Amino acid sequence: MASAVKDVTYDSLALMAEWLPSDYWKLSGRTQYWTYSDDNAMYFINLESMWSSESMPTVWYGLRFNTTTTSEASDFYWTPYWDKRALGVLRYETDSDKMRFRADIVGGFAKSDGRGGFSLDDKNVAREIERAREIERAKESSDSSEESSSIPSSSFRSVYDLDTDWKAIWGFGGLYSYDITDWLTVSVEFDILAMRSYIDHMVLLYLLSHF
């Protein structure tokens, strides 16, 4: 992967599973692990529960929860400490003998217990966080504070991700799968989410082997 400063390579392994307790209830999960060339590591887990009904078998609704964490902060790529997302999902899904198609509309909340992407020691980080909080308190009490106007606390919030409250997010996604053989399926999957200050997107192309 190309960062703003240098190339960082990684290897990744993912596992996916789906279980149908009944014809109108699906449970699924996906976990993925990345190991980076700079000795960092990232872990992701996604859990989903979806329901349907006999009257509308192509319409599904349910819940999705996922979280991402990394071992160390990096200056060169996204390294969340704990990024958590809880979503409601409305899905249209159809199947044929060899093809599967789905389209999702999602909405919910996200919370990121961030760890700033700058390689500062813990004392410096703590000092800057406390300084940002003091500036914000000064702003609330007096708009004429020279220090608070010259160094806005929002910049520190951006760097150190102080805003750890749950925030509303929304997006959409989809999947197309085709059975090449009785035991092998090729799939294309994507998700796009409007986060607090950026657009998060994912595109996957993968082969599934059936046992």
N, C-alpha and C. Protein backbone atom coordinates (compact mmCIF):
# COMPACT_ATOMS: atom_id res chain seq x y z
N MET A 1 0.85 -1.19 0.00
CA MET A 1 0.00 0.00 0.00
C MET A 1 0.88 1.23 0.00
N ALA A 2 0.53 2.26 -0.76
CA ALA A 2 1.32 3.49 -0.86
C ALA A 2 0.82 4.50 0.15
N SER A 3 1.69 4.98 1.02
CA SER A 3 1.33 6.04 1.96
C SER A 3 1.81 7.36 1.39
N ALA A 4 1.65 8.43 2.18
CA ALA A 4 2.07 9.75 1.71
C ALA A 4 3.58 9.89 1.68
N VAL A 5 4.30 9.02 2.40
CA VAL A 5 5.74 9.18 2.55
C VAL A 5 6.51 8.00 1.97
N LYS A 6 6.05 6.78 2.19
CA LYS A 6 6.79 5.60 1.75
C LYS A 6 5.82 4.46 1.48
N ASP A 7 6.35 3.43 0.84
CA ASP A 7 5.55 2.23 0.58
C ASP A 7 5.57 1.34 1.82
N VAL A 8 4.38 0.87 2.20
CA VAL A 8 4.25 -0.07 3.30
C VAL A 8 3.54 -1.30 2.76
N THR A 9 4.16 -2.45 2.88
CA THR A 9 3.56 -3.69 2.38
C THR A 9 2.95 -4.48 3.54
N TYR A 10 2.03 -5.36 3.20
CA TYR A 10 1.40 -6.16 4.25
C TYR A 10 0.95 -7.51 3.67
N ASP A 11 0.80 -8.46 4.56
CA ASP A 11 0.17 -9.74 4.27
C ASP A 11 -1.09 -9.84 5.12
N SER A 12 -2.11 -10.53 4.58
CA SER A 12 -3.40 -10.56 5.28
C SER A 12 -4.04 -11.93 5.14
N LEU A 13 -4.76 -12.33 6.17
CA LEU A 13 -5.52 -13.57 6.17
C LEU A 13 -6.91 -13.28 6.69
N ALA A 14 -7.95 -13.76 5.99
CA ALA A 14 -9.34 -13.53 6.40
C ALA A 14 -10.09 -14.85 6.47
N LEU A 15 -11.04 -14.91 7.40
CA LEU A 15 -11.93 -16.06 7.54
C LEU A 15 -13.37 -15.55 7.58
N MET A 16 -14.27 -16.24 6.86
CA MET A 16 -15.68 -15.87 6.84
C MET A 16 -16.53 -17.10 7.11
N ALA A 17 -17.63 -16.89 7.80
CA ALA A 17 -18.54 -18.00 8.10
C ALA A 17 -19.97 -17.50 8.11
N GLU A 18 -20.91 -18.38 7.70
CA GLU A 18 -22.33 -18.05 7.71
C GLU A 18 -23.12 -19.26 8.20
N TRP A 19 -24.11 -19.00 9.04
CA TRP A 19 -24.93 -20.07 9.61
C TRP A 19 -26.39 -19.66 9.53
N LEU A 20 -27.25 -20.56 9.11
CA LEU A 20 -28.68 -20.29 9.00
C LEU A 20 -29.42 -21.13 10.04
N PRO A 21 -29.73 -20.56 11.21
CA PRO A 21 -30.52 -21.30 12.20
C PRO A 21 -31.90 -21.66 11.69
N SER A 22 -32.43 -20.85 10.76
CA SER A 22 -33.73 -21.14 10.14
C SER A 22 -33.73 -20.52 8.74
N ASP A 23 -34.82 -20.72 7.99
CA ASP A 23 -34.92 -20.17 6.64
C ASP A 23 -34.96 -18.65 6.63
N TYR A 24 -35.31 -18.04 7.76
CA TYR A 24 -35.49 -16.59 7.81
C TYR A 24 -34.60 -15.93 8.86
N TRP A 25 -33.49 -16.58 9.16
CA TRP A 25 -32.54 -16.02 10.11
C TRP A 25 -31.13 -16.43 9.71
N LYS A 26 -30.26 -15.43 9.50
CA LYS A 26 -28.88 -15.68 9.10
C LYS A 26 -27.92 -15.04 10.11
N LEU A 27 -26.91 -15.79 10.49
CA LEU A 27 -25.82 -15.28 11.30
C LEU A 27 -24.53 -15.39 10.50
N SER A 28 -23.74 -14.33 10.47
CA SER A 28 -22.49 -14.37 9.71
C SER A 28 -21.40 -13.61 10.45
N GLY A 29 -20.18 -13.93 10.10
CA GLY A 29 -19.04 -13.27 10.71
C GLY A 29 -17.84 -13.26 9.77
N ARG A 30 -17.02 -12.27 9.93
CA ARG A 30 -15.77 -12.19 9.17
C ARG A 30 -14.69 -11.63 10.06
N THR A 31 -13.53 -12.23 10.03
CA THR A 31 -12.39 -11.73 10.78
C THR A 31 -11.19 -11.66 9.84
N GLN A 32 -10.36 -10.65 10.03
CA GLN A 32 -9.21 -10.47 9.16
C GLN A 32 -8.03 -9.94 9.97
N TYR A 33 -6.86 -10.43 9.61
CA TYR A 33 -5.63 -10.04 10.31
C TYR A 33 -4.61 -9.57 9.28
N TRP A 34 -3.95 -8.43 9.54
CA TRP A 34 -2.91 -7.88 8.67
C TRP A 34 -1.60 -7.81 9.45
N THR A 35 -0.51 -8.18 8.81
CA THR A 35 0.82 -7.95 9.36
C THR A 35 1.59 -7.09 8.38
N TYR A 36 2.17 -5.99 8.88
CA TYR A 36 2.78 -4.97 8.03
C TYR A 36 4.30 -5.09 8.02
N SER A 37 4.89 -4.50 6.99
CA SER A 37 6.35 -4.56 6.83
C SER A 37 7.08 -3.76 7.91
N ASP A 38 6.39 -2.86 8.63
CA ASP A 38 7.01 -2.10 9.71
C ASP A 38 6.76 -2.76 11.07
N ASP A 39 6.40 -4.05 11.06
CA ASP A 39 6.18 -4.86 12.28
C ASP A 39 4.90 -4.49 13.02
N ASN A 40 4.02 -3.74 12.37
CA ASN A 40 2.72 -3.44 12.97
C ASN A 40 1.72 -4.54 12.61
N ALA A 41 0.58 -4.54 13.28
CA ALA A 41 -0.46 -5.53 12.99
C ALA A 41 -1.83 -4.90 13.21
N MET A 42 -2.80 -5.32 12.41
CA MET A 42 -4.17 -4.84 12.52
C MET A 42 -5.12 -6.04 12.57
N TYR A 43 -6.20 -5.89 13.36
CA TYR A 43 -7.17 -6.95 13.50
C TYR A 43 -8.58 -6.38 13.32
N PHE A 44 -9.42 -7.11 12.58
CA PHE A 44 -10.79 -6.67 12.28
C PHE A 44 -11.74 -7.84 12.50
N ILE A 45 -12.90 -7.55 13.11
CA ILE A 45 -13.94 -8.56 13.25
C ILE A 45 -15.31 -7.93 12.97
N ASN A 46 -16.14 -8.64 12.23
CA ASN A 46 -17.48 -8.16 11.86
C ASN A 46 -18.49 -9.26 12.16
N LEU A 47 -19.56 -8.92 12.88
CA LEU A 47 -20.62 -9.85 13.23
C LEU A 47 -21.94 -9.29 12.74
N GLU A 48 -22.80 -10.17 12.20
CA GLU A 48 -24.05 -9.72 11.61
C GLU A 48 -25.16 -10.73 11.86
N SER A 49 -26.33 -10.22 12.18
CA SER A 49 -27.53 -11.05 12.36
C SER A 49 -28.66 -10.44 11.53
N MET A 50 -29.23 -11.24 10.63
CA MET A 50 -30.25 -10.74 9.70
C MET A 50 -31.50 -11.62 9.77
N TRP A 51 -32.67 -10.95 9.64
CA TRP A 51 -33.95 -11.65 9.66
C TRP A 51 -34.77 -11.31 8.42
N SER A 52 -35.64 -12.23 8.04
CA SER A 52 -36.56 -12.01 6.95
C SER A 52 -37.91 -12.61 7.33
N SER A 53 -38.83 -12.69 6.37
CA SER A 53 -40.15 -13.25 6.64
C SER A 53 -40.64 -14.03 5.43
N GLU A 54 -41.60 -14.89 5.64
CA GLU A 54 -42.14 -15.70 4.55
C GLU A 54 -42.84 -14.83 3.52
N SER A 55 -43.44 -13.72 3.95
CA SER A 55 -44.18 -12.86 3.03
C SER A 55 -43.25 -12.03 2.14
N MET A 56 -42.03 -11.69 2.63
CA MET A 56 -41.06 -10.91 1.85
C MET A 56 -39.68 -11.56 1.97
N PRO A 57 -39.46 -12.68 1.30
CA PRO A 57 -38.20 -13.42 1.48
C PRO A 57 -36.97 -12.72 0.91
N THR A 58 -37.14 -11.73 0.05
CA THR A 58 -35.99 -11.02 -0.51
C THR A 58 -35.59 -9.79 0.30
N VAL A 59 -36.39 -9.40 1.27
CA VAL A 59 -36.09 -8.23 2.11
C VAL A 59 -35.64 -8.72 3.48
N TRP A 60 -34.45 -8.24 3.88
CA TRP A 60 -33.87 -8.62 5.16
C TRP A 60 -33.58 -7.37 5.99
N TYR A 61 -33.63 -7.52 7.30
CA TYR A 61 -33.28 -6.43 8.20
C TYR A 61 -32.51 -7.02 9.37
N GLY A 62 -31.62 -6.23 9.94
CA GLY A 62 -30.84 -6.78 11.04
C GLY A 62 -29.83 -5.81 11.61
N LEU A 63 -28.84 -6.38 12.29
CA LEU A 63 -27.84 -5.62 13.03
C LEU A 63 -26.44 -6.07 12.62
N ARG A 64 -25.53 -5.11 12.63
CA ARG A 64 -24.13 -5.40 12.33
C ARG A 64 -23.24 -4.66 13.33
N PHE A 65 -22.25 -5.37 13.81
CA PHE A 65 -21.26 -4.73 14.70
C PHE A 65 -19.87 -5.13 14.24
N ASN A 66 -18.97 -4.15 14.13
CA ASN A 66 -17.58 -4.49 13.82
C ASN A 66 -16.63 -3.59 14.58
N THR A 67 -15.42 -4.06 14.72
CA THR A 67 -14.39 -3.30 15.42
C THR A 67 -13.04 -3.57 14.75
N THR A 68 -12.18 -2.54 14.77
CA THR A 68 -10.84 -2.62 14.20
C THR A 68 -9.85 -2.09 15.23
N THR A 69 -8.71 -2.75 15.36
CA THR A 69 -7.68 -2.29 16.27
C THR A 69 -6.31 -2.56 15.67
N THR A 70 -5.34 -1.73 16.01
CA THR A 70 -3.96 -1.94 15.58
C THR A 70 -3.03 -1.95 16.79
N SER A 71 -1.88 -2.62 16.61
CA SER A 71 -0.93 -2.77 17.72
C SER A 71 -0.24 -1.45 18.07
N GLU A 72 0.22 -0.74 17.03
CA GLU A 72 1.00 0.47 17.24
C GLU A 72 0.48 1.61 16.37
N ALA A 73 0.70 2.83 16.82
CA ALA A 73 0.39 4.00 16.00
C ALA A 73 1.42 4.14 14.89
N SER A 74 1.01 4.72 13.77
CA SER A 74 1.91 4.96 12.64
C SER A 74 1.64 6.33 12.04
N ASP A 75 2.69 6.94 11.52
CA ASP A 75 2.54 8.22 10.83
C ASP A 75 2.06 8.05 9.40
N PHE A 76 2.03 6.84 8.88
CA PHE A 76 1.89 6.63 7.44
C PHE A 76 0.56 6.03 7.01
N TYR A 77 -0.25 5.51 7.90
CA TYR A 77 -1.53 4.93 7.51
C TYR A 77 -2.44 4.87 8.73
N TRP A 78 -3.72 4.57 8.50
CA TRP A 78 -4.74 4.56 9.55
C TRP A 78 -4.41 3.49 10.58
N THR A 79 -4.30 3.89 11.84
CA THR A 79 -3.98 2.95 12.91
C THR A 79 -4.90 3.21 14.11
N PRO A 80 -6.16 2.80 14.02
CA PRO A 80 -7.08 3.04 15.14
C PRO A 80 -6.70 2.22 16.36
N TYR A 81 -6.96 2.79 17.51
CA TYR A 81 -6.76 2.02 18.74
C TYR A 81 -7.94 1.07 18.94
N TRP A 82 -9.16 1.63 18.98
CA TRP A 82 -10.39 0.83 18.95
C TRP A 82 -11.42 1.60 18.15
N ASP A 83 -11.68 1.16 16.94
CA ASP A 83 -12.72 1.75 16.11
C ASP A 83 -13.92 0.81 16.13
N LYS A 84 -15.06 1.29 16.63
CA LYS A 84 -16.25 0.44 16.81
C LYS A 84 -17.43 1.03 16.05
N ARG A 85 -18.20 0.16 15.38
CA ARG A 85 -19.36 0.60 14.60
C ARG A 85 -20.53 -0.34 14.84
N ALA A 86 -21.67 0.24 15.21
CA ALA A 86 -22.91 -0.51 15.42
C ALA A 86 -23.94 0.00 14.42
N LEU A 87 -24.46 -0.88 13.58
CA LEU A 87 -25.28 -0.46 12.45
C LEU A 87 -26.57 -1.28 12.36
N GLY A 88 -27.63 -0.60 11.92
CA GLY A 88 -28.82 -1.28 11.46
C GLY A 88 -28.73 -1.46 9.96
N VAL A 89 -29.24 -2.57 9.45
CA VAL A 89 -29.09 -2.91 8.04
C VAL A 89 -30.45 -3.22 7.43
N LEU A 90 -30.74 -2.62 6.29
CA LEU A 90 -31.90 -2.97 5.47
C LEU A 90 -31.36 -3.50 4.15
N ARG A 91 -31.76 -4.74 3.78
CA ARG A 91 -31.12 -5.43 2.67
C ARG A 91 -32.13 -6.01 1.69
N TYR A 92 -31.80 -5.86 0.41
CA TYR A 92 -32.50 -6.60 -0.64
C TYR A 92 -31.54 -7.68 -1.13
N GLU A 93 -32.02 -8.92 -1.16
CA GLU A 93 -31.15 -10.04 -1.54
C GLU A 93 -31.92 -11.03 -2.39
N THR A 94 -31.28 -11.46 -3.46
CA THR A 94 -31.91 -12.44 -4.34
C THR A 94 -30.88 -13.50 -4.75
N ASP A 95 -31.33 -14.72 -4.94
CA ASP A 95 -30.47 -15.84 -5.30
C ASP A 95 -31.05 -16.57 -6.50
N SER A 96 -30.16 -17.07 -7.35
CA SER A 96 -30.56 -17.99 -8.41
C SER A 96 -29.69 -19.25 -8.28
N ASP A 97 -29.69 -20.10 -9.28
CA ASP A 97 -28.91 -21.32 -9.19
C ASP A 97 -27.42 -21.05 -9.02
N LYS A 98 -26.92 -20.04 -9.72
CA LYS A 98 -25.48 -19.77 -9.69
C LYS A 98 -25.12 -18.37 -9.21
N MET A 99 -26.08 -17.48 -9.09
CA MET A 99 -25.80 -16.08 -8.81
C MET A 99 -26.46 -15.65 -7.51
N ARG A 100 -25.77 -14.72 -6.81
CA ARG A 100 -26.31 -14.11 -5.61
C ARG A 100 -26.05 -12.61 -5.67
N PHE A 101 -27.08 -11.81 -5.39
CA PHE A 101 -26.96 -10.36 -5.42
C PHE A 101 -27.60 -9.78 -4.17
N ARG A 102 -26.96 -8.76 -3.60
CA ARG A 102 -27.55 -8.06 -2.46
C ARG A 102 -27.19 -6.59 -2.51
N ALA A 103 -28.09 -5.76 -1.96
CA ALA A 103 -27.87 -4.32 -1.83
C ALA A 103 -28.28 -3.91 -0.43
N ASP A 104 -27.43 -3.15 0.26
CA ASP A 104 -27.66 -2.76 1.65
C ASP A 104 -27.76 -1.25 1.79
N ILE A 105 -28.64 -0.82 2.67
CA ILE A 105 -28.64 0.54 3.19
C ILE A 105 -28.41 0.43 4.69
N VAL A 106 -27.42 1.16 5.21
CA VAL A 106 -27.05 1.01 6.61
C VAL A 106 -27.04 2.37 7.31
N GLY A 107 -27.29 2.35 8.60
CA GLY A 107 -27.23 3.55 9.42
C GLY A 107 -27.00 3.16 10.86
N GLY A 108 -26.26 3.98 11.59
CA GLY A 108 -25.99 3.64 12.97
C GLY A 108 -25.03 4.62 13.61
N PHE A 109 -24.14 4.09 14.44
CA PHE A 109 -23.25 4.93 15.22
C PHE A 109 -21.84 4.35 15.22
N ALA A 110 -20.86 5.25 15.31
CA ALA A 110 -19.45 4.85 15.35
C ALA A 110 -18.75 5.59 16.48
N LYS A 111 -17.75 4.94 17.03
CA LYS A 111 -16.95 5.52 18.10
C LYS A 111 -15.51 5.08 17.91
N SER A 112 -14.59 6.03 17.96
CA SER A 112 -13.18 5.71 17.77
C SER A 112 -12.38 6.19 18.97
N ASP A 113 -11.91 5.24 19.76
CA ASP A 113 -11.01 5.58 20.86
C ASP A 113 -9.62 5.73 20.28
N GLY A 114 -9.38 6.92 19.70
CA GLY A 114 -8.23 7.09 18.83
C GLY A 114 -6.91 7.21 19.56
N ARG A 115 -5.91 6.92 18.80
CA ARG A 115 -4.53 7.05 19.24
C ARG A 115 -3.88 7.84 18.12
N GLY A 116 -3.49 9.10 18.39
CA GLY A 116 -3.03 9.98 17.33
C GLY A 116 -1.97 9.36 16.45
N GLY A 117 -1.96 9.72 15.18
CA GLY A 117 -1.04 9.13 14.25
C GLY A 117 0.37 9.71 14.31
N PHE A 118 0.73 10.41 15.39
CA PHE A 118 2.05 11.01 15.49
C PHE A 118 2.86 10.29 16.54
N SER A 119 4.13 10.09 16.26
CA SER A 119 5.00 9.32 17.15
C SER A 119 5.51 10.22 18.28
N LEU A 120 4.63 10.56 19.17
CA LEU A 120 5.01 11.35 20.35
C LEU A 120 5.01 10.42 21.56
N ASP A 121 5.86 10.74 22.53
CA ASP A 121 5.84 9.90 23.72
C ASP A 121 4.58 10.20 24.53
N ASP A 122 4.26 9.32 25.45
CA ASP A 122 2.99 9.40 26.19
C ASP A 122 2.87 10.71 26.97
N LYS A 123 3.96 11.20 27.52
CA LYS A 123 3.90 12.44 28.30
C LYS A 123 3.53 13.62 27.41
N ASN A 124 4.10 13.68 26.21
CA ASN A 124 3.77 14.77 25.30
C ASN A 124 2.31 14.70 24.88
N VAL A 125 1.84 13.50 24.56
CA VAL A 125 0.44 13.33 24.17
C VAL A 125 -0.48 13.78 25.29
N ALA A 126 -0.20 13.32 26.51
CA ALA A 126 -1.04 13.70 27.65
C ALA A 126 -1.03 15.21 27.87
N ARG A 127 0.14 15.82 27.71
CA ARG A 127 0.25 17.27 27.92
C ARG A 127 -0.55 18.04 26.86
N GLU A 128 -0.45 17.60 25.59
CA GLU A 128 -1.18 18.29 24.54
C GLU A 128 -2.68 18.09 24.67
N ILE A 129 -3.10 16.90 25.09
CA ILE A 129 -4.52 16.66 25.30
C ILE A 129 -5.05 17.56 26.41
N GLU A 130 -4.31 17.65 27.49
CA GLU A 130 -4.75 18.50 28.59
C GLU A 130 -4.76 19.97 28.17
N ARG A 131 -3.78 20.36 27.36
CA ARG A 131 -3.76 21.74 26.87
C ARG A 131 -4.98 22.03 26.01
N ALA A 132 -5.34 21.07 25.14
CA ALA A 132 -6.52 21.25 24.29
C ALA A 132 -7.79 21.39 25.12
N ARG A 133 -7.87 20.59 26.18
CA ARG A 133 -9.05 20.67 27.05
C ARG A 133 -9.12 22.01 27.77
N GLU A 134 -7.96 22.50 28.23
CA GLU A 134 -7.94 23.80 28.89
C GLU A 134 -8.36 24.92 27.93
N ILE A 135 -7.88 24.83 26.70
CA ILE A 135 -8.25 25.84 25.70
C ILE A 135 -9.74 25.80 25.43
N GLU A 136 -10.30 24.59 25.35
CA GLU A 136 -11.73 24.48 25.09
C GLU A 136 -12.55 25.06 26.24
N ARG A 137 -12.10 24.79 27.47
CA ARG A 137 -12.80 25.37 28.62
C ARG A 137 -12.71 26.89 28.60
N ALA A 138 -11.54 27.40 28.20
CA ALA A 138 -11.39 28.86 28.11
C ALA A 138 -12.29 29.45 27.05
N LYS A 139 -12.44 28.74 25.93
CA LYS A 139 -13.32 29.22 24.87
C LYS A 139 -14.76 29.29 25.34
N GLU A 140 -15.17 28.27 26.09
CA GLU A 140 -16.55 28.24 26.56
C GLU A 140 -16.83 29.37 27.53
N SER A 141 -15.83 29.75 28.31
CA SER A 141 -16.05 30.80 29.31
C SER A 141 -15.86 32.20 28.76
N SER A 142 -15.02 32.33 27.73
CA SER A 142 -14.77 33.67 27.18
C SER A 142 -14.33 33.56 25.73
N ASP A 143 -15.11 34.17 24.84
CA ASP A 143 -14.76 34.17 23.42
C ASP A 143 -13.60 35.09 23.12
N SER A 144 -13.21 35.93 24.08
CA SER A 144 -12.15 36.90 23.82
C SER A 144 -10.78 36.39 24.24
N SER A 145 -10.70 35.15 24.63
CA SER A 145 -9.41 34.59 25.05
C SER A 145 -8.44 34.55 23.88
N GLU A 146 -7.30 35.21 24.00
CA GLU A 146 -6.33 35.28 22.90
C GLU A 146 -5.77 33.90 22.60
N GLU A 147 -5.45 33.12 23.61
CA GLU A 147 -4.85 31.81 23.39
C GLU A 147 -5.84 30.88 22.72
N SER A 148 -7.08 30.89 23.17
CA SER A 148 -8.05 29.97 22.58
C SER A 148 -8.35 30.30 21.14
N SER A 149 -8.25 31.59 20.77
CA SER A 149 -8.51 31.95 19.38
C SER A 149 -7.32 31.64 18.49
N SER A 150 -6.10 31.66 19.06
CA SER A 150 -4.92 31.43 18.24
C SER A 150 -4.65 29.95 18.03
N ILE A 151 -5.09 29.08 18.95
CA ILE A 151 -4.86 27.64 18.82
C ILE A 151 -6.19 26.94 19.05
N PRO A 152 -6.97 26.73 18.02
CA PRO A 152 -8.28 26.12 18.20
C PRO A 152 -8.17 24.68 18.68
N SER A 153 -9.02 24.33 19.63
CA SER A 153 -8.97 22.99 20.18
C SER A 153 -9.39 21.94 19.18
N SER A 154 -10.11 22.35 18.12
CA SER A 154 -10.55 21.36 17.14
C SER A 154 -9.36 20.68 16.47
N SER A 155 -8.22 21.43 16.32
CA SER A 155 -7.06 20.81 15.69
C SER A 155 -6.51 19.68 16.55
N PHE A 156 -6.51 19.89 17.88
CA PHE A 156 -6.04 18.83 18.76
C PHE A 156 -7.03 17.67 18.78
N ARG A 157 -8.31 17.97 18.69
CA ARG A 157 -9.30 16.90 18.61
C ARG A 157 -9.06 16.04 17.38
N SER A 158 -8.69 16.70 16.27
CA SER A 158 -8.45 15.94 15.05
C SER A 158 -7.24 15.04 15.19
N VAL A 159 -6.15 15.56 15.77
CA VAL A 159 -4.92 14.79 15.88
C VAL A 159 -5.06 13.65 16.88
N TYR A 160 -5.61 13.95 18.05
CA TYR A 160 -5.64 12.97 19.12
C TYR A 160 -6.99 12.28 19.27
N ASP A 161 -7.95 12.64 18.41
CA ASP A 161 -9.25 11.99 18.41
C ASP A 161 -9.89 12.04 19.80
N LEU A 162 -9.99 13.24 20.37
CA LEU A 162 -10.55 13.39 21.70
C LEU A 162 -12.04 13.13 21.71
N ASP A 163 -12.70 13.33 20.58
CA ASP A 163 -14.15 13.18 20.51
C ASP A 163 -14.48 11.70 20.40
N THR A 164 -14.63 11.04 21.54
CA THR A 164 -14.86 9.60 21.55
C THR A 164 -16.31 9.24 21.80
N ASP A 165 -17.22 10.21 21.65
CA ASP A 165 -18.64 9.91 21.76
C ASP A 165 -19.12 9.16 20.52
N TRP A 166 -20.22 8.43 20.67
CA TRP A 166 -20.82 7.76 19.53
C TRP A 166 -21.42 8.82 18.59
N LYS A 167 -21.10 8.73 17.30
CA LYS A 167 -21.58 9.67 16.30
C LYS A 167 -22.34 8.93 15.21
N ALA A 168 -23.37 9.58 14.66
CA ALA A 168 -24.19 8.95 13.62
C ALA A 168 -23.41 8.79 12.33
N ILE A 169 -23.59 7.66 11.65
CA ILE A 169 -23.00 7.40 10.35
C ILE A 169 -24.05 6.72 9.47
N TRP A 170 -23.82 6.72 8.17
CA TRP A 170 -24.75 6.07 7.25
C TRP A 170 -23.98 5.67 5.99
N GLY A 171 -24.58 4.79 5.20
CA GLY A 171 -23.91 4.38 3.99
C GLY A 171 -24.69 3.32 3.24
N PHE A 172 -24.02 2.68 2.30
CA PHE A 172 -24.64 1.63 1.52
C PHE A 172 -23.57 0.64 1.07
N GLY A 173 -24.00 -0.50 0.60
CA GLY A 173 -23.06 -1.53 0.18
C GLY A 173 -23.74 -2.53 -0.73
N GLY A 174 -22.97 -3.49 -1.19
CA GLY A 174 -23.53 -4.49 -2.09
C GLY A 174 -22.59 -5.67 -2.27
N LEU A 175 -23.11 -6.72 -2.89
CA LEU A 175 -22.34 -7.92 -3.17
C LEU A 175 -22.89 -8.60 -4.41
N TYR A 176 -21.97 -9.14 -5.22
CA TYR A 176 -22.35 -9.98 -6.35
C TYR A 176 -21.49 -11.23 -6.31
N SER A 177 -22.11 -12.40 -6.31
CA SER A 177 -21.40 -13.67 -6.28
C SER A 177 -21.85 -14.55 -7.44
N TYR A 178 -20.89 -15.33 -7.95
CA TYR A 178 -21.22 -16.25 -9.03
C TYR A 178 -20.50 -17.57 -8.79
N ASP A 179 -21.24 -18.66 -8.89
CA ASP A 179 -20.67 -19.99 -8.68
C ASP A 179 -19.98 -20.46 -9.96
N ILE A 180 -18.65 -20.50 -9.91
CA ILE A 180 -17.89 -20.97 -11.07
C ILE A 180 -18.06 -22.48 -11.23
N THR A 181 -17.97 -23.18 -10.12
CA THR A 181 -18.21 -24.63 -10.09
C THR A 181 -19.09 -24.94 -8.88
N ASP A 182 -19.33 -26.19 -8.62
CA ASP A 182 -20.13 -26.59 -7.46
C ASP A 182 -19.40 -26.29 -6.15
N TRP A 183 -18.10 -26.11 -6.22
CA TRP A 183 -17.34 -25.92 -4.97
C TRP A 183 -16.55 -24.60 -4.93
N LEU A 184 -16.67 -23.75 -5.98
CA LEU A 184 -15.90 -22.51 -6.01
C LEU A 184 -16.78 -21.35 -6.45
N THR A 185 -16.73 -20.25 -5.67
CA THR A 185 -17.52 -19.04 -5.93
C THR A 185 -16.61 -17.82 -5.98
N VAL A 186 -16.83 -16.95 -6.97
CA VAL A 186 -16.12 -15.67 -7.02
C VAL A 186 -17.09 -14.57 -6.59
N SER A 187 -16.60 -13.63 -5.79
CA SER A 187 -17.47 -12.59 -5.23
C SER A 187 -16.80 -11.23 -5.29
N VAL A 188 -17.62 -10.21 -5.52
CA VAL A 188 -17.20 -8.81 -5.43
C VAL A 188 -18.10 -8.14 -4.38
N GLU A 189 -17.50 -7.48 -3.41
CA GLU A 189 -18.25 -6.87 -2.32
C GLU A 189 -17.72 -5.46 -2.07
N PHE A 190 -18.62 -4.52 -1.74
CA PHE A 190 -18.17 -3.16 -1.42
C PHE A 190 -19.05 -2.58 -0.31
N ASP A 191 -18.46 -1.64 0.43
CA ASP A 191 -19.16 -0.87 1.45
C ASP A 191 -18.65 0.56 1.41
N ILE A 192 -19.56 1.53 1.53
CA ILE A 192 -19.21 2.94 1.60
C ILE A 192 -19.95 3.54 2.79
N LEU A 193 -19.20 4.17 3.70
CA LEU A 193 -19.79 4.77 4.89
C LEU A 193 -19.37 6.23 5.01
N ALA A 194 -20.33 7.10 5.29
CA ALA A 194 -20.05 8.51 5.57
C ALA A 194 -19.78 8.65 7.06
N MET A 195 -18.51 8.84 7.41
CA MET A 195 -18.11 8.96 8.80
C MET A 195 -18.17 10.42 9.24
N ARG A 196 -17.61 10.73 10.40
CA ARG A 196 -17.67 12.09 10.94
C ARG A 196 -16.96 13.09 10.04
N SER A 197 -15.76 12.74 9.58
CA SER A 197 -14.98 13.73 8.82
C SER A 197 -14.37 13.15 7.55
N TYR A 198 -14.79 11.96 7.15
CA TYR A 198 -14.25 11.36 5.93
C TYR A 198 -15.21 10.29 5.44
N ILE A 199 -14.94 9.81 4.22
CA ILE A 199 -15.72 8.72 3.63
C ILE A 199 -14.89 7.44 3.72
N ASP A 200 -15.44 6.43 4.34
CA ASP A 200 -14.76 5.15 4.49
C ASP A 200 -15.30 4.20 3.42
N HIS A 201 -14.41 3.57 2.67
CA HIS A 201 -14.87 2.67 1.62
C HIS A 201 -14.03 1.39 1.61
N MET A 202 -14.65 0.31 1.18
CA MET A 202 -13.99 -0.98 1.11
C MET A 202 -14.47 -1.71 -0.14
N VAL A 203 -13.54 -2.31 -0.88
CA VAL A 203 -13.87 -3.14 -2.04
C VAL A 203 -13.11 -4.45 -1.89
N LEU A 204 -13.83 -5.57 -1.99
CA LEU A 204 -13.23 -6.89 -1.86
C LEU A 204 -13.53 -7.72 -3.10
N LEU A 205 -12.53 -8.43 -3.58
CA LEU A 205 -12.68 -9.42 -4.62
C LEU A 205 -12.07 -10.71 -4.09
N TYR A 206 -12.86 -11.78 -4.01
CA TYR A 206 -12.35 -12.98 -3.39
C TYR A 206 -13.00 -14.24 -3.97
N LEU A 207 -12.33 -15.38 -3.72
CA LEU A 207 -12.82 -16.70 -4.10
C LEU A 207 -13.22 -17.45 -2.84
N LEU A 208 -14.35 -18.12 -2.87
CA LEU A 208 -14.82 -18.94 -1.77
C LEU A 208 -14.86 -20.39 -2.20
N SER A 209 -14.30 -21.25 -1.35
CA SER A 209 -14.33 -22.68 -1.61
C SER A 209 -15.33 -23.33 -0.67
N HIS A 210 -16.22 -24.16 -1.21
CA HIS A 210 -17.27 -24.81 -0.42
C HIS A 210 -16.85 -26.23 -0.05
N PHE A 211 -17.00 -26.56 1.22
CA PHE A 211 -16.63 -27.90 1.69
C PHE A 211 -17.88 -28.69 2.06
